[in-house]
Amino acid sequence: MSKLPIVAIIGRPNTGKSTLFNRIIGQRKAIESVVPGTTRDRISHRIETNAVTGDLNRRLTYLLIDTGGIGSTRDKDFELDVARQSMLAIAQADLILFTVNSKEPVTGDDRKVVDLLRKKRKRHVPVIVVLTKADNPLSQDEVLADFQEINIGVEMLVVSAPHKLGIDELNEAIGRELNKLHLGQANRQGRETEETGESEETGENEANQQTDKPQPPRITIVGRPNVGKSSIVNALMSVGQLETSPLLVSPIAGTTRDATDTEIRFNEKTYVFVDTAGLKKRSQAREELEMYSMIRTLTSIESSDMVLLVLDALSEVTQQDKRIAALAIEKGKGLLILLNKVDGLTGAVRRKKLEDTQAILSFCRFARIIPTSAQTREGLLKIFDMIEIIAHNRARRIPTRELRNWFEQTVYGRPAGEISKTKHITQAKDIPPTFVLFVKDPKKVKTSELRFLENRMRETFGFDGVPVRWVTKKTSER
């Protein structure tokens, strides 16, 4: 497999890096704010586009990375951590987009970034200087003249990401520079096409076939702030991956503000773990950034296959924990609960904690609770086994004949109320598993009757880790 090129956006805080990132990928993935230091972890997105270089039109694929700002903040220790993340991005990048705020003169922090790029980037890696926030298209020449002292880039472009000014030119420049470096799977395929004489249509068909391949499961990690979500992802990484792409970990609650994707390989399979900001109660989420983080977390849950709810074994299960679990069930996601930091508990105290947690979360008994420790790695490998079980159960279908036989045996001779009058039962195509009961009067079906059915169904068919839904319809609707 050829190398996927990495394009890193680097700059001091509040130069429009995240806004530029969102404009290039075409969606709001990185948090945008006028508050410097908003982006704390690296955010990445795979870009697939057509690169136009001369008379050639080639498919271009690369990984775009947004980084935290390099520069002064109030918290010096935290500034060092964010700068280290940016250093890792610089060291891995094949192309660097250096953002400078065109509405301000060149600052000392801008010059600091220039020095870092000269010292830390690989020699062959080109730099495109991107002058951001240039909202007036008529003043581009004047803006370019004002920043000629920044003489590190192969090219200097003026853009306004919110107004999409200069973005097409920037995309073309990215394509030109990456194709000069002969990087990326698509570039390699393009050269092979020229050498072998294969048609572009064949290449497109192969690309389409690749897109049809099953996608790796997306697992969103959620929980209250500072329960160890990022530490768990770091503990799951390989040694090599941990050296180059660790997630930012800090005892400061709320360190992770963006949803961060990390690919983990285990037993020749790929899993995408999405680390999210810690969800707080709405009354606590007054700061604008906290609101954006909450929305981003909810969006990540919506687009995932399953949810890993991380609890802190050293504190009580809260209403917020229960709300997160209920949200996963409501959205129809697979659910796995991790009781983290169990290395701080021993013997009877530990067993009691597990029993209490199961009792408090009794409304989601179908979800397995795994005691884990990101520090000692206890219980972490069990996560992958459960992910496989949950993925299988979410898409599992029971043949109608087998389902009807089970239903008749379940309700036969029992005071099952209105559901005993069911004329037909079938499984819908929906995910999660959804079962449709055709009854004489759906309004008379009680919640307790459906709960009875679900309990009997789980005893027979399992469905560990996934919610089960019931739909009642009038017999005439069949």
Protein backbone atom coordinates (compact mmCIF):
# COMPACT_ATOMS: atom_id res chain seq x y z
CA MET A 1 0.00 0.00 0.00
CA SER A 2 1.39 3.41 -0.93
CA LYS A 3 1.79 6.17 1.60
CA LEU A 4 -1.13 8.47 2.26
CA PRO A 5 0.24 12.04 2.15
CA ILE A 6 -0.25 14.21 5.22
CA VAL A 7 -1.04 17.91 4.92
CA ALA A 8 -0.75 19.76 8.25
CA ILE A 9 -2.19 23.19 9.05
CA ILE A 10 0.25 25.00 11.36
CA GLY A 11 0.18 28.48 12.87
CA ARG A 12 -0.13 30.54 16.01
CA PRO A 13 -3.48 30.61 17.85
CA ASN A 14 -6.48 32.34 16.28
CA THR A 15 -5.16 32.57 12.73
CA GLY A 16 -8.17 30.74 11.28
CA LYS A 17 -6.70 27.22 11.10
CA SER A 18 -9.90 25.42 12.08
CA THR A 19 -12.07 27.59 9.82
CA LEU A 20 -9.75 26.80 6.92
CA PHE A 21 -9.79 23.09 7.83
CA ASN A 22 -13.59 23.03 7.85
CA ARG A 23 -13.79 24.85 4.51
CA ILE A 24 -11.42 22.39 2.80
CA ILE A 25 -13.21 19.28 4.11
CA GLY A 26 -16.65 20.81 3.48
CA GLN A 27 -18.08 20.28 6.98
CA ARG A 28 -17.80 21.72 10.49
CA LYS A 29 -15.55 19.17 12.17
CA ALA A 30 -13.03 21.36 14.01
CA ILE A 31 -14.35 23.84 16.54
CA GLU A 32 -14.11 27.45 15.38
CA SER A 33 -13.88 30.23 17.94
CA VAL A 34 -12.35 33.64 18.48
CA VAL A 35 -10.88 32.27 21.73
CA PRO A 36 -7.18 31.39 21.10
CA GLY A 37 -6.29 27.78 21.85
CA THR A 38 -9.68 26.28 21.00
CA THR A 39 -8.21 23.35 19.03
CA ARG A 40 -6.23 21.29 21.54
CA ASP A 41 -5.90 17.91 19.84
CA ARG A 42 -5.07 17.28 16.24
CA ILE A 43 -8.15 16.82 14.07
CA SER A 44 -7.77 14.87 10.84
CA HIS A 45 -9.91 14.17 7.79
CA ARG A 46 -9.29 12.07 4.69
CA ILE A 47 -9.64 14.19 1.54
CA GLU A 48 -10.43 12.64 -1.84
CA THR A 49 -10.48 15.03 -4.77
CA ASN A 50 -9.27 15.51 -8.33
CA ALA A 51 -5.92 17.28 -8.60
CA VAL A 52 -5.31 19.27 -11.77
CA THR A 53 -1.63 19.53 -12.71
CA GLY A 54 -0.87 20.78 -16.20
CA ASP A 55 -2.81 18.73 -18.73
CA LEU A 56 -3.28 15.80 -16.32
CA ASN A 57 -6.34 15.24 -14.17
CA ARG A 58 -5.61 12.74 -11.39
CA ARG A 59 -7.49 11.57 -8.34
CA LEU A 60 -5.74 12.85 -5.21
CA THR A 61 -6.13 11.45 -1.71
CA TYR A 62 -4.48 12.90 1.38
CA LEU A 63 -4.95 13.31 5.13
CA LEU A 64 -5.58 16.88 6.30
CA ILE A 65 -4.60 17.64 9.92
CA ASP A 66 -5.64 20.65 11.97
CA THR A 67 -3.40 21.45 14.95
CA GLY A 68 -3.48 23.52 18.12
CA GLY A 69 -1.95 26.96 17.86
CA ILE A 70 1.77 27.38 18.58
CA GLY A 71 2.18 30.39 20.83
CA SER A 72 1.59 32.05 24.17
CA THR A 73 -1.23 31.00 26.49
CA ARG A 74 -1.82 31.57 30.20
CA ASP A 75 -1.14 27.94 31.06
CA LYS A 76 2.53 27.38 30.16
CA ASP A 77 2.45 23.61 30.84
CA PHE A 78 -0.57 23.20 28.63
CA GLU A 79 1.08 25.38 25.97
CA LEU A 80 3.99 22.93 25.89
CA ASP A 81 1.63 19.97 25.46
CA VAL A 82 -0.21 21.61 22.57
CA ALA A 83 3.09 22.66 20.97
CA ARG A 84 4.32 19.05 21.24
CA GLN A 85 1.25 17.86 19.33
CA SER A 86 1.96 20.43 16.62
CA MET A 87 5.61 19.30 16.50
CA LEU A 88 4.47 15.75 15.84
CA ALA A 89 2.31 17.00 12.97
CA ILE A 90 5.25 18.97 11.53
CA ALA A 91 7.50 15.91 11.76
CA GLN A 92 4.98 13.71 9.91
CA ALA A 93 3.75 16.20 7.32
CA ASP A 94 4.45 15.94 3.59
CA LEU A 95 3.08 19.43 3.02
CA ILE A 96 2.54 22.26 5.50
CA LEU A 97 -0.03 25.04 5.30
CA PHE A 98 1.30 27.90 7.47
CA THR A 99 -1.57 30.21 8.41
CA VAL A 100 -0.96 33.89 9.14
CA ASN A 101 -3.69 36.36 10.11
CA SER A 102 -3.70 38.97 7.32
CA LYS A 103 -5.57 41.46 9.51
CA GLU A 104 -2.64 41.80 11.92
CA PRO A 105 1.05 42.61 11.44
CA VAL A 106 3.52 39.73 11.65
CA THR A 107 3.88 38.86 15.36
CA GLY A 108 6.61 37.33 17.45
CA ASP A 109 4.63 34.08 17.59
CA ASP A 110 4.45 34.04 13.77
CA ARG A 111 8.25 34.37 13.65
CA LYS A 112 8.50 31.59 16.24
CA VAL A 113 6.49 29.30 13.95
CA VAL A 114 8.77 30.21 11.02
CA ASP A 115 11.84 29.24 13.07
CA LEU A 116 10.23 25.95 14.10
CA LEU A 117 9.36 25.11 10.51
CA ARG A 118 12.93 25.79 9.41
CA LYS A 119 14.39 23.62 12.17
CA LYS A 120 11.84 20.82 12.63
CA ARG A 121 10.27 19.99 9.27
CA LYS A 122 11.82 17.51 6.88
CA ARG A 123 13.95 19.31 4.27
CA HIS A 124 11.95 18.20 1.24
CA VAL A 125 8.60 19.22 2.76
CA PRO A 126 7.19 22.32 1.05
CA VAL A 127 5.39 25.10 2.94
CA ILE A 128 2.47 27.10 1.54
CA VAL A 129 1.96 30.38 3.42
CA VAL A 130 -1.78 31.00 3.72
CA LEU A 131 -2.78 34.57 4.57
CA THR A 132 -6.19 34.12 6.19
CA LYS A 133 -9.14 36.41 6.93
CA ALA A 134 -8.61 38.45 3.74
CA ASP A 135 -12.28 39.24 3.16
CA ASN A 136 -11.73 41.96 0.52
CA PRO A 137 -10.79 40.38 -2.85
CA LEU A 138 -9.68 43.79 -4.18
CA SER A 139 -6.87 44.13 -1.61
CA GLN A 140 -5.07 40.85 -2.30
CA ASP A 141 -1.99 42.44 -3.89
CA GLU A 142 -1.68 44.85 -0.98
CA VAL A 143 -1.94 41.97 1.53
CA LEU A 144 0.73 39.97 -0.28
CA ALA A 145 3.08 42.97 -0.23
CA ASP A 146 2.66 43.40 3.53
CA PHE A 147 3.86 39.85 4.32
CA GLN A 148 6.86 39.44 2.03
CA GLU A 149 9.15 39.20 5.07
CA ILE A 150 7.80 35.66 5.61
CA ASN A 151 10.08 34.02 3.09
CA ILE A 152 9.73 30.37 4.04
CA GLY A 153 7.02 29.17 1.64
CA VAL A 154 7.14 27.87 -1.92
CA GLU A 155 3.99 29.89 -2.48
CA MET A 156 1.95 32.56 -0.68
CA LEU A 157 -1.83 32.66 -1.10
CA VAL A 158 -4.53 34.99 0.19
CA VAL A 159 -7.76 33.35 1.37
CA SER A 160 -10.97 33.97 3.26
CA ALA A 161 -12.33 30.61 4.40
CA PRO A 162 -15.77 31.90 5.52
CA HIS A 163 -16.32 33.53 2.11
CA LYS A 164 -14.57 30.75 0.13
CA LEU A 165 -12.17 33.27 -1.43
CA GLY A 166 -8.93 31.73 -2.68
CA ILE A 167 -9.90 28.19 -1.60
CA ASP A 168 -9.94 26.80 -5.16
CA GLU A 169 -6.47 28.24 -5.74
CA LEU A 170 -5.28 26.71 -2.45
CA ASN A 171 -6.66 23.27 -3.39
CA GLU A 172 -4.88 23.46 -6.74
CA ALA A 173 -1.64 24.44 -5.00
CA ILE A 174 -1.97 21.47 -2.61
CA GLY A 175 -2.47 19.18 -5.60
CA ARG A 176 0.55 20.57 -7.43
CA GLU A 177 2.90 20.22 -4.46
CA LEU A 178 1.79 16.70 -3.54
CA ASN A 179 2.06 15.49 -7.13
CA LYS A 180 5.59 16.90 -7.29
CA LEU A 181 6.44 14.65 -4.35
CA HIS A 182 4.84 11.59 -6.06
CA LEU A 183 2.89 10.67 -2.95
CA GLY A 184 -0.46 8.99 -2.43
CA GLN A 185 -2.18 5.89 -3.69
CA ALA A 186 -4.09 7.73 -6.36
CA ASN A 187 -0.91 9.32 -7.74
CA ARG A 188 0.75 5.92 -7.98
CA GLN A 189 -2.28 4.51 -9.77
CA GLY A 190 -2.18 7.43 -12.18
CA ARG A 191 1.44 6.69 -13.13
CA GLU A 192 0.65 3.00 -13.55
CA THR A 193 -2.21 3.93 -15.88
CA GLU A 194 0.16 5.92 -18.07
CA GLU A 195 2.72 3.11 -18.14
CA THR A 196 0.33 0.19 -18.74
CA GLY A 197 -2.15 2.00 -20.98
CA GLU A 198 -5.14 1.02 -18.82
CA SER A 199 -8.22 3.16 -19.30
CA GLU A 200 -9.30 5.75 -16.74
CA GLU A 201 -12.66 3.98 -16.62
CA THR A 202 -10.98 0.83 -15.30
CA GLY A 203 -9.28 2.85 -12.59
CA GLU A 204 -12.60 4.43 -11.65
CA ASN A 205 -14.27 1.02 -11.46
CA GLU A 206 -11.51 -0.22 -9.15
CA ALA A 207 -11.93 2.86 -7.00
CA ASN A 208 -15.67 2.24 -6.82
CA GLN A 209 -15.07 -1.37 -5.83
CA GLN A 210 -12.77 -0.19 -3.05
CA THR A 211 -15.47 2.18 -1.76
CA ASP A 212 -17.94 -0.73 -1.63
CA LYS A 213 -15.75 -2.59 0.86
CA PRO A 214 -17.17 -2.81 4.40
CA GLN A 215 -16.13 0.18 6.48
CA PRO A 216 -14.46 -0.41 9.87
CA PRO A 217 -16.82 0.03 12.83
CA ARG A 218 -16.90 3.53 14.34
CA ILE A 219 -16.86 3.51 18.13
CA THR A 220 -17.54 6.78 19.92
CA ILE A 221 -16.05 7.05 23.42
CA VAL A 222 -18.22 9.19 25.70
CA GLY A 223 -18.38 10.06 29.36
CA ARG A 224 -18.08 12.87 31.85
CA PRO A 225 -14.92 15.02 31.76
CA ASN A 226 -11.71 13.48 33.09
CA VAL A 227 -12.86 9.84 33.33
CA GLY A 228 -9.92 8.68 31.18
CA LYS A 229 -11.38 8.51 27.66
CA SER A 230 -8.21 9.73 25.89
CA SER A 231 -6.02 7.57 28.14
CA ILE A 232 -7.96 4.48 27.06
CA VAL A 233 -7.46 5.30 23.37
CA ASN A 234 -3.74 5.86 23.99
CA ALA A 235 -3.54 2.51 25.81
CA LEU A 236 -5.13 0.75 22.83
CA MET A 237 -2.60 2.17 20.36
CA SER A 238 0.43 0.27 19.14
CA VAL A 239 3.85 1.47 20.34
CA GLY A 240 4.64 3.05 16.98
CA GLN A 241 1.28 4.78 16.77
CA LEU A 242 1.59 6.05 20.34
CA GLU A 243 4.97 7.61 19.54
CA THR A 244 3.59 9.59 16.60
CA SER A 245 -0.10 10.23 17.38
CA PRO A 246 -0.91 10.25 21.11
CA LEU A 247 -4.06 12.01 22.23
CA LEU A 248 -3.60 14.95 24.56
CA VAL A 249 -4.05 13.78 28.17
CA SER A 250 -4.26 16.10 31.17
CA PRO A 251 -5.71 16.05 34.70
CA ILE A 252 -7.52 19.25 33.68
CA ALA A 253 -11.15 18.32 32.99
CA GLY A 254 -12.23 19.24 29.46
CA THR A 255 -8.85 18.75 27.77
CA THR A 256 -10.48 17.10 24.77
CA ARG A 257 -12.85 19.55 23.10
CA ASP A 258 -13.00 18.15 19.58
CA ALA A 259 -14.07 14.68 18.47
CA THR A 260 -10.82 12.96 17.47
CA ASP A 261 -10.69 9.90 15.18
CA THR A 262 -8.04 7.24 15.82
CA GLU A 263 -7.64 4.05 13.78
CA ILE A 264 -6.63 1.02 15.87
CA ARG A 265 -5.49 -2.29 14.35
CA PHE A 266 -6.15 -5.48 16.33
CA ASN A 267 -6.02 -9.07 15.01
CA GLU A 268 -5.73 -7.83 11.41
CA LYS A 269 -8.88 -5.72 11.76
CA THR A 270 -9.31 -1.95 11.81
CA TYR A 271 -11.46 -0.06 14.31
CA VAL A 272 -12.09 3.69 14.35
CA PHE A 273 -12.28 5.10 17.88
CA VAL A 274 -13.73 8.61 18.22
CA ASP A 275 -12.60 10.36 21.41
CA THR A 276 -15.02 13.10 22.43
CA ALA A 277 -15.28 15.98 24.84
CA GLY A 278 -16.69 15.11 28.23
CA LEU A 279 -20.43 15.71 28.34
CA LYS A 280 -21.58 18.02 31.14
CA LYS A 281 -24.99 18.95 32.44
CA ARG A 282 -26.57 21.73 30.44
CA SER A 283 -26.47 24.05 33.43
CA GLN A 284 -22.70 23.60 33.54
CA ALA A 285 -22.16 24.04 29.80
CA ARG A 286 -22.47 27.79 29.82
CA GLU A 287 -19.27 28.55 27.98
CA GLU A 288 -19.74 28.75 24.22
CA LEU A 289 -16.94 26.26 23.57
CA GLU A 290 -18.56 23.70 25.89
CA MET A 291 -21.76 24.00 23.87
CA TYR A 292 -19.90 23.35 20.63
CA SER A 293 -18.11 20.38 22.24
CA MET A 294 -21.42 18.90 23.37
CA ILE A 295 -22.91 19.30 19.90
CA ARG A 296 -19.82 17.68 18.38
CA THR A 297 -20.10 14.75 20.81
CA LEU A 298 -23.77 14.25 20.01
CA THR A 299 -22.98 14.40 16.29
CA SER A 300 -20.24 11.78 16.75
CA ILE A 301 -22.68 9.48 18.54
CA GLU A 302 -25.17 9.97 15.70
CA SER A 303 -22.65 8.91 13.04
CA SER A 304 -21.14 5.99 15.00
CA ASP A 305 -22.00 2.30 15.15
CA MET A 306 -21.58 1.91 18.87
CA VAL A 307 -20.85 3.85 22.04
CA LEU A 308 -18.27 3.15 24.74
CA LEU A 309 -19.51 4.80 27.92
CA VAL A 310 -16.57 5.35 30.27
CA LEU A 311 -17.32 5.59 34.01
CA ASP A 312 -14.93 6.51 36.79
CA ALA A 313 -14.71 3.62 39.28
CA LEU A 314 -13.53 6.05 41.97
CA SER A 315 -16.65 8.22 41.85
CA GLU A 316 -20.39 7.69 41.92
CA VAL A 317 -22.49 7.00 38.82
CA THR A 318 -24.34 10.25 38.14
CA GLN A 319 -27.52 11.28 36.38
CA GLN A 320 -25.32 12.51 33.57
CA ASP A 321 -23.85 9.01 33.10
CA LYS A 322 -27.37 7.60 32.90
CA ARG A 323 -28.38 10.30 30.43
CA ILE A 324 -25.47 9.40 28.13
CA ALA A 325 -26.42 5.69 28.25
CA ALA A 326 -30.05 6.56 27.52
CA LEU A 327 -28.94 8.73 24.60
CA ALA A 328 -27.03 5.82 23.04
CA ILE A 329 -30.11 3.60 23.40
CA GLU A 330 -32.37 6.30 21.96
CA LYS A 331 -30.10 6.62 18.92
CA GLY A 332 -30.07 2.84 18.44
CA LYS A 333 -26.33 2.43 18.94
CA GLY A 334 -24.50 -0.54 20.34
CA LEU A 335 -23.50 0.11 23.95
CA LEU A 336 -20.51 -1.08 25.97
CA ILE A 337 -19.74 0.29 29.46
CA LEU A 338 -16.19 0.60 30.78
CA LEU A 339 -15.68 0.97 34.52
CA ASN A 340 -12.29 2.69 34.32
CA LYS A 341 -9.62 3.21 37.00
CA VAL A 342 -10.46 -0.10 38.76
CA ASP A 343 -6.77 -0.42 39.65
CA GLY A 344 -7.66 1.92 42.52
CA LEU A 345 -10.09 -0.64 44.01
CA THR A 346 -9.44 -4.06 45.53
CA GLY A 347 -11.33 -7.13 46.72
CA ALA A 348 -14.82 -6.67 48.15
CA VAL A 349 -14.86 -2.92 47.42
CA ARG A 350 -14.31 -3.63 43.75
CA ARG A 351 -17.04 -6.29 43.58
CA LYS A 352 -19.46 -3.99 45.38
CA LYS A 353 -18.72 -1.17 42.94
CA LEU A 354 -19.49 -3.41 39.97
CA GLU A 355 -22.77 -4.61 41.56
CA ASP A 356 -23.84 -1.06 42.39
CA THR A 357 -23.09 0.10 38.85
CA GLN A 358 -25.14 -2.73 37.36
CA ALA A 359 -28.05 -1.86 39.67
CA ILE A 360 -27.98 1.85 38.87
CA LEU A 361 -27.83 1.17 35.13
CA SER A 362 -30.47 -1.56 35.25
CA PHE A 363 -32.35 0.04 32.33
CA CYS A 364 -29.52 -1.10 30.04
CA ARG A 365 -28.83 -4.58 31.38
CA PHE A 366 -28.13 -5.73 27.82
CA ALA A 367 -24.87 -3.72 27.88
CA ARG A 368 -21.80 -5.50 29.24
CA ILE A 369 -19.82 -3.69 31.96
CA ILE A 370 -16.06 -4.30 31.69
CA PRO A 371 -13.74 -3.28 34.55
CA THR A 372 -10.75 -1.54 32.93
CA SER A 373 -7.64 0.44 33.73
CA ALA A 374 -5.88 2.62 31.17
CA GLN A 375 -2.82 2.60 33.44
CA THR A 376 -2.41 -1.19 33.82
CA ARG A 377 -4.28 -2.06 30.55
CA GLU A 378 -6.53 -4.41 32.52
CA GLY A 379 -9.64 -5.47 30.58
CA LEU A 380 -8.78 -3.46 27.45
CA LEU A 381 -8.39 -6.44 25.10
CA LYS A 382 -11.90 -7.61 26.04
CA ILE A 383 -13.20 -4.47 24.35
CA PHE A 384 -12.42 -5.84 20.88
CA ASP A 385 -14.26 -9.13 21.50
CA MET A 386 -17.36 -7.22 22.61
CA ILE A 387 -17.14 -4.85 19.63
CA GLU A 388 -17.29 -7.86 17.31
CA ILE A 389 -20.27 -9.30 19.19
CA ILE A 390 -22.12 -5.97 19.17
CA ALA A 391 -21.41 -5.38 15.45
CA HIS A 392 -22.80 -8.85 14.67
CA ASN A 393 -25.89 -8.37 16.84
CA ARG A 394 -26.76 -4.93 15.42
CA ALA A 395 -27.06 -6.39 11.92
CA ARG A 396 -28.46 -9.78 12.96
CA ARG A 397 -31.72 -10.94 11.37
CA ILE A 398 -33.97 -13.75 12.62
CA PRO A 399 -35.86 -15.66 9.91
CA THR A 400 -39.62 -14.99 10.08
CA ARG A 401 -40.52 -18.65 10.59
CA GLU A 402 -38.10 -19.01 13.50
CA LEU A 403 -39.38 -15.73 14.94
CA ARG A 404 -43.01 -16.86 14.76
CA ASN A 405 -42.21 -20.21 16.39
CA TRP A 406 -40.42 -18.39 19.22
CA PHE A 407 -43.35 -15.99 19.69
CA GLU A 408 -45.97 -18.75 19.86
CA GLN A 409 -43.95 -20.65 22.47
CA THR A 410 -43.38 -17.45 24.47
CA VAL A 411 -46.99 -16.31 24.76
CA TYR A 412 -48.67 -19.76 24.78
CA GLY A 413 -50.57 -20.29 28.02
CA ARG A 414 -49.40 -16.95 29.50
CA PRO A 415 -51.54 -13.94 30.44
CA ALA A 416 -49.69 -11.79 27.90
CA GLY A 417 -52.47 -9.25 27.44
CA GLU A 418 -53.01 -7.62 24.06
CA ILE A 419 -49.86 -9.08 22.50
CA SER A 420 -51.34 -12.59 22.84
CA LYS A 421 -53.73 -11.49 20.07
CA THR A 422 -50.85 -10.81 17.68
CA LYS A 423 -51.64 -12.08 14.18
CA HIS A 424 -48.15 -11.70 12.76
CA ILE A 425 -44.61 -10.82 13.85
CA THR A 426 -41.69 -9.93 11.62
CA GLN A 427 -38.31 -8.20 11.82
CA ALA A 428 -37.92 -4.92 9.96
CA LYS A 429 -34.80 -4.13 7.97
CA ASP A 430 -33.88 -1.32 10.34
CA ILE A 431 -30.81 -1.16 12.57
CA PRO A 432 -30.88 -1.72 15.54
CA PRO A 433 -33.00 -4.92 15.53
CA THR A 434 -36.62 -3.80 15.18
CA PHE A 435 -39.60 -6.14 15.49
CA VAL A 436 -43.11 -5.40 14.22
CA LEU A 437 -46.20 -6.81 15.93
CA PHE A 438 -49.52 -6.76 14.05
CA VAL A 439 -52.25 -6.59 16.68
CA LYS A 440 -55.93 -5.77 16.77
CA ASP A 441 -55.53 -2.55 18.78
CA PRO A 442 -51.97 -1.17 19.16
CA LYS A 443 -53.13 1.39 21.74
CA LYS A 444 -53.93 -1.41 24.19
CA VAL A 445 -50.41 -2.85 24.12
CA LYS A 446 -48.69 -2.01 27.41
CA THR A 447 -45.03 -1.14 27.86
CA SER A 448 -44.74 -3.95 30.42
CA GLU A 449 -45.92 -6.46 27.78
CA LEU A 450 -43.22 -5.32 25.34
CA ARG A 451 -40.63 -5.45 28.12
CA PHE A 452 -41.70 -9.05 28.84
CA LEU A 453 -41.23 -9.92 25.16
CA GLU A 454 -37.81 -8.27 25.06
CA ASN A 455 -36.62 -10.16 28.16
CA ARG A 456 -37.74 -13.48 26.67
CA MET A 457 -36.14 -12.59 23.33
CA ARG A 458 -32.78 -11.83 24.92
CA GLU A 459 -32.93 -15.13 26.82
CA THR A 460 -33.35 -16.95 23.50
CA PHE A 461 -31.41 -14.90 20.96
CA GLY A 462 -29.02 -12.86 23.07
CA PHE A 463 -28.62 -9.51 21.29
CA ASP A 464 -25.91 -8.55 23.79
CA GLY A 465 -24.87 -4.94 23.61
CA VAL A 466 -27.66 -3.66 21.35
CA PRO A 467 -31.05 -2.10 22.07
CA VAL A 468 -34.13 -3.84 20.69
CA ARG A 469 -37.07 -1.85 19.33
CA TRP A 470 -40.73 -2.79 19.07
CA VAL A 471 -43.33 -1.40 16.68
CA THR A 472 -47.04 -2.20 16.98
CA LYS A 473 -49.39 -1.91 13.99
CA LYS A 474 -53.04 -2.69 13.36
CA THR A 475 -53.66 -6.03 11.68
CA SER A 476 -55.25 -4.25 8.73
CA GLU A 477 -51.94 -2.41 8.06
CA ARG A 478 -50.17 -5.66 7.24
